[in-house]
Amino acid sequence: MVRIWRRLFKRGSGNVIKILCLACGLALGLVLIAKVYYEGSFDTFFPDYDRTYLVQTDIVSGTEDPKKFDQVSGAIAPAMVAEIPQVEAATRLTFFSWRGDQIISPSDDSDTKVASKVYFADSCFFDVFPLPIITGNPSAVLSQPYGTMVSRSLANKLGGVEQVLGKSFSIDDMPNFTVQGVFVTTQRF
């Protein structure tokens, strides 16, 4: 054993460089394996995830390179369902603001304020992304003007699932939204 240790660090053999190169190669290989695993398992928690696609918009401004934008015009989803036979269902999700969380406050109690992400979705959202529903009919709720579905975690912040149903909430200068259903978020929503 002592002989091997002496030979390992013998002058002129370059073993230290070889060991460092081997360690760097193994570390890079592990990083690549982790990246491939992550890419293969990302957003796989939805049923039929392999049949779900994201349609993006390329935005061109002046002489700049095109930028990808994860939202499309409002008529794209219904037009895809009507015109493309392979499309079974389509939905549109719009961010309320790019600034991050919005302040949500009940209309009857101005002291309670909660920060949360806010999205606008059409009535087909839960057809494409079948999240578990605690209460409410998502397609009926989202078909009504200002009808709102909230996550269970947001409902708990606002006093619980039973207390939040039927309450009106305001966000910035928007008209009041009435909570008519609660769903359970899984991963990224």
Protein backbone atom coordinates (compact mmCIF):
# COMPACT_ATOMS: atom_id res chain seq x y z
CA MET A 1 0.00 0.00 0.00
CA VAL A 2 2.85 2.37 0.88
CA ARG A 3 4.48 1.54 -2.44
CA ILE A 4 1.35 2.47 -4.38
CA TRP A 5 1.03 5.74 -2.48
CA ARG A 6 4.67 6.69 -3.28
CA ARG A 7 4.25 5.76 -6.92
CA LEU A 8 1.10 7.84 -7.20
CA PHE A 9 2.96 11.06 -6.41
CA LYS A 10 6.22 10.19 -8.19
CA ARG A 11 7.77 13.11 -10.06
CA GLY A 12 7.18 13.29 -13.79
CA SER A 13 4.33 10.76 -13.94
CA GLY A 14 1.53 13.37 -14.13
CA ASN A 15 -0.78 11.30 -11.90
CA VAL A 16 -2.10 14.33 -10.03
CA ILE A 17 -3.21 15.90 -13.32
CA LYS A 18 -4.81 12.63 -14.38
CA ILE A 19 -6.74 12.37 -11.12
CA LEU A 20 -7.94 15.99 -11.40
CA CYS A 21 -9.06 15.44 -15.01
CA LEU A 22 -10.88 12.24 -14.02
CA ALA A 23 -12.64 14.04 -11.13
CA CYS A 24 -13.69 16.92 -13.41
CA GLY A 25 -14.99 14.47 -16.02
CA LEU A 26 -17.01 12.54 -13.44
CA ALA A 27 -18.46 15.76 -12.00
CA LEU A 28 -19.45 17.03 -15.46
CA GLY A 29 -20.99 13.65 -16.28
CA LEU A 30 -23.09 13.75 -13.10
CA VAL A 31 -24.27 17.28 -13.91
CA LEU A 32 -25.31 16.18 -17.42
CA ILE A 33 -27.17 13.15 -16.06
CA ALA A 34 -29.02 15.38 -13.56
CA LYS A 35 -29.93 17.84 -16.35
CA VAL A 36 -31.31 15.06 -18.58
CA TYR A 37 -33.31 13.64 -15.65
CA TYR A 38 -34.73 17.08 -14.82
CA GLU A 39 -35.71 17.78 -18.43
CA GLY A 40 -37.38 14.37 -18.69
CA SER A 41 -39.35 14.70 -15.44
CA PHE A 42 -40.36 18.39 -15.60
CA ASP A 43 -44.16 18.90 -15.47
CA THR A 44 -44.89 15.18 -15.63
CA PHE A 45 -47.36 15.32 -12.74
CA PHE A 46 -50.30 16.02 -15.09
CA PRO A 47 -52.12 13.12 -16.72
CA ASP A 48 -51.34 12.99 -20.45
CA TYR A 49 -48.42 15.37 -19.97
CA ASP A 50 -46.84 13.99 -23.13
CA ARG A 51 -49.84 15.25 -25.13
CA THR A 52 -49.90 18.76 -23.63
CA TYR A 53 -48.19 21.57 -25.53
CA LEU A 54 -47.38 25.22 -24.91
CA VAL A 55 -48.00 27.66 -27.75
CA GLN A 56 -45.75 30.70 -27.63
CA THR A 57 -45.62 34.04 -29.37
CA ASP A 58 -42.47 35.54 -30.85
CA ILE A 59 -42.32 39.27 -30.20
CA VAL A 60 -40.20 41.35 -32.55
CA SER A 61 -39.46 44.91 -31.53
CA GLY A 62 -37.47 47.05 -33.93
CA THR A 63 -34.11 45.54 -34.75
CA GLU A 64 -33.92 43.35 -31.63
CA ASP A 65 -33.93 39.58 -31.80
CA PRO A 66 -37.35 37.90 -31.38
CA LYS A 67 -38.32 37.16 -27.78
CA LYS A 68 -40.44 34.20 -26.67
CA PHE A 69 -43.63 35.08 -24.83
CA ASP A 70 -45.65 32.32 -23.13
CA GLN A 71 -49.01 33.91 -23.91
CA VAL A 72 -51.01 34.23 -27.11
CA SER A 73 -54.00 36.27 -28.24
CA GLY A 74 -57.37 35.33 -26.77
CA ALA A 75 -58.85 33.77 -29.90
CA ILE A 76 -56.00 31.32 -30.51
CA ALA A 77 -57.17 28.55 -28.12
CA PRO A 78 -60.79 28.38 -29.36
CA ALA A 79 -59.63 28.65 -32.99
CA MET A 80 -57.21 25.76 -32.53
CA VAL A 81 -59.98 23.55 -31.15
CA ALA A 82 -62.32 24.53 -33.99
CA GLU A 83 -59.84 24.31 -36.86
CA ILE A 84 -57.32 21.59 -35.94
CA PRO A 85 -58.89 18.12 -35.53
CA GLN A 86 -55.97 16.79 -33.44
CA VAL A 87 -56.52 19.42 -30.73
CA GLU A 88 -58.87 17.94 -28.13
CA ALA A 89 -58.90 20.86 -25.69
CA ALA A 90 -57.17 24.23 -25.41
CA THR A 91 -57.02 26.92 -22.78
CA ARG A 92 -55.46 30.30 -22.21
CA LEU A 93 -53.74 31.45 -19.05
CA THR A 94 -52.84 35.12 -18.62
CA PHE A 95 -50.70 36.60 -15.87
CA PHE A 96 -52.33 39.52 -14.10
CA SER A 97 -49.05 41.34 -13.67
CA TRP A 98 -45.38 40.72 -14.35
CA ARG A 99 -44.50 42.47 -11.08
CA GLY A 100 -45.06 39.31 -9.06
CA ASP A 101 -47.56 38.82 -6.27
CA GLN A 102 -50.66 40.99 -6.07
CA ILE A 103 -52.38 42.22 -2.91
CA ILE A 104 -55.78 40.60 -2.46
CA SER A 105 -58.16 42.12 0.05
CA PRO A 106 -61.74 41.12 0.95
CA SER A 107 -64.30 43.77 0.00
CA ASP A 108 -65.96 43.69 3.43
CA ASP A 109 -62.77 43.72 5.56
CA SER A 110 -60.04 46.11 4.43
CA ASP A 111 -57.66 45.06 7.25
CA THR A 112 -57.02 41.60 5.79
CA LYS A 113 -54.56 41.63 2.88
CA VAL A 114 -52.80 38.67 1.30
CA ALA A 115 -50.11 38.61 -1.37
CA SER A 116 -50.68 36.01 -4.09
CA LYS A 117 -50.05 35.28 -7.75
CA VAL A 118 -53.09 36.08 -9.90
CA TYR A 119 -53.88 34.48 -13.26
CA PHE A 120 -56.83 34.84 -15.61
CA ALA A 121 -57.98 31.56 -17.18
CA ASP A 122 -60.83 30.56 -19.45
CA SER A 123 -63.49 27.95 -18.73
CA CYS A 124 -61.44 25.12 -20.30
CA PHE A 125 -58.44 25.49 -17.98
CA PHE A 126 -59.38 22.55 -15.75
CA ASP A 127 -60.11 20.40 -18.82
CA VAL A 128 -56.48 20.74 -19.91
CA PHE A 129 -54.99 20.72 -16.41
CA PRO A 130 -57.20 18.44 -14.29
CA LEU A 131 -56.35 19.64 -10.80
CA PRO A 132 -58.32 18.19 -7.87
CA ILE A 133 -61.42 20.29 -7.10
CA ILE A 134 -62.57 20.70 -3.49
CA THR A 135 -65.73 22.65 -4.25
CA GLY A 136 -67.34 24.37 -7.23
CA ASN A 137 -67.79 23.58 -10.92
CA PRO A 138 -64.73 25.10 -12.63
CA SER A 139 -66.18 25.42 -16.13
CA ALA A 140 -69.35 27.08 -14.79
CA VAL A 141 -67.41 29.36 -12.41
CA LEU A 142 -64.88 30.48 -15.01
CA SER A 143 -67.64 31.09 -17.57
CA GLN A 144 -69.19 33.80 -15.40
CA PRO A 145 -67.83 37.34 -15.36
CA TYR A 146 -65.57 37.80 -12.33
CA GLY A 147 -66.19 34.23 -11.14
CA THR A 148 -63.09 33.01 -9.36
CA MET A 149 -61.49 29.73 -8.34
CA VAL A 150 -58.79 29.97 -5.66
CA SER A 151 -56.24 27.47 -4.45
CA ARG A 152 -56.72 25.76 -1.10
CA SER A 153 -53.57 27.42 0.23
CA LEU A 154 -54.94 30.89 -0.61
CA ALA A 155 -58.34 29.97 0.85
CA ASN A 156 -56.62 28.92 4.09
CA LYS A 157 -54.76 32.26 4.24
CA LEU A 158 -58.09 34.05 3.84
CA GLY A 159 -59.85 32.14 6.64
CA GLY A 160 -60.58 28.65 5.30
CA VAL A 161 -62.43 27.00 2.42
CA GLU A 162 -65.93 27.45 3.89
CA GLN A 163 -65.36 31.09 4.87
CA VAL A 164 -63.97 32.15 1.49
CA LEU A 165 -66.81 30.78 -0.66
CA GLY A 166 -69.16 33.53 -1.82
CA LYS A 167 -66.88 36.34 -0.59
CA SER A 168 -65.86 39.16 -2.88
CA PHE A 169 -62.25 40.27 -3.19
CA SER A 170 -60.56 43.18 -4.86
CA ILE A 171 -57.21 43.42 -6.62
CA ASP A 172 -55.83 46.87 -7.42
CA ASP A 173 -58.38 48.84 -9.46
CA MET A 174 -60.20 45.79 -10.84
CA PRO A 175 -63.88 45.08 -10.14
CA ASN A 176 -64.60 42.70 -7.28
CA PHE A 177 -64.06 38.98 -7.87
CA THR A 178 -66.40 36.47 -6.19
CA VAL A 179 -64.90 33.16 -5.03
CA GLN A 180 -67.11 30.30 -6.19
CA GLY A 181 -64.73 27.35 -6.05
CA VAL A 182 -61.54 25.97 -4.51
CA PHE A 183 -58.97 23.65 -6.07
CA VAL A 184 -55.82 21.90 -4.87
CA THR A 185 -52.53 22.91 -6.43
CA THR A 186 -50.03 20.20 -7.21
CA GLN A 187 -46.63 21.54 -8.23
CA ARG A 188 -46.16 24.82 -10.05
CA PHE A 189 -49.49 26.65 -9.83
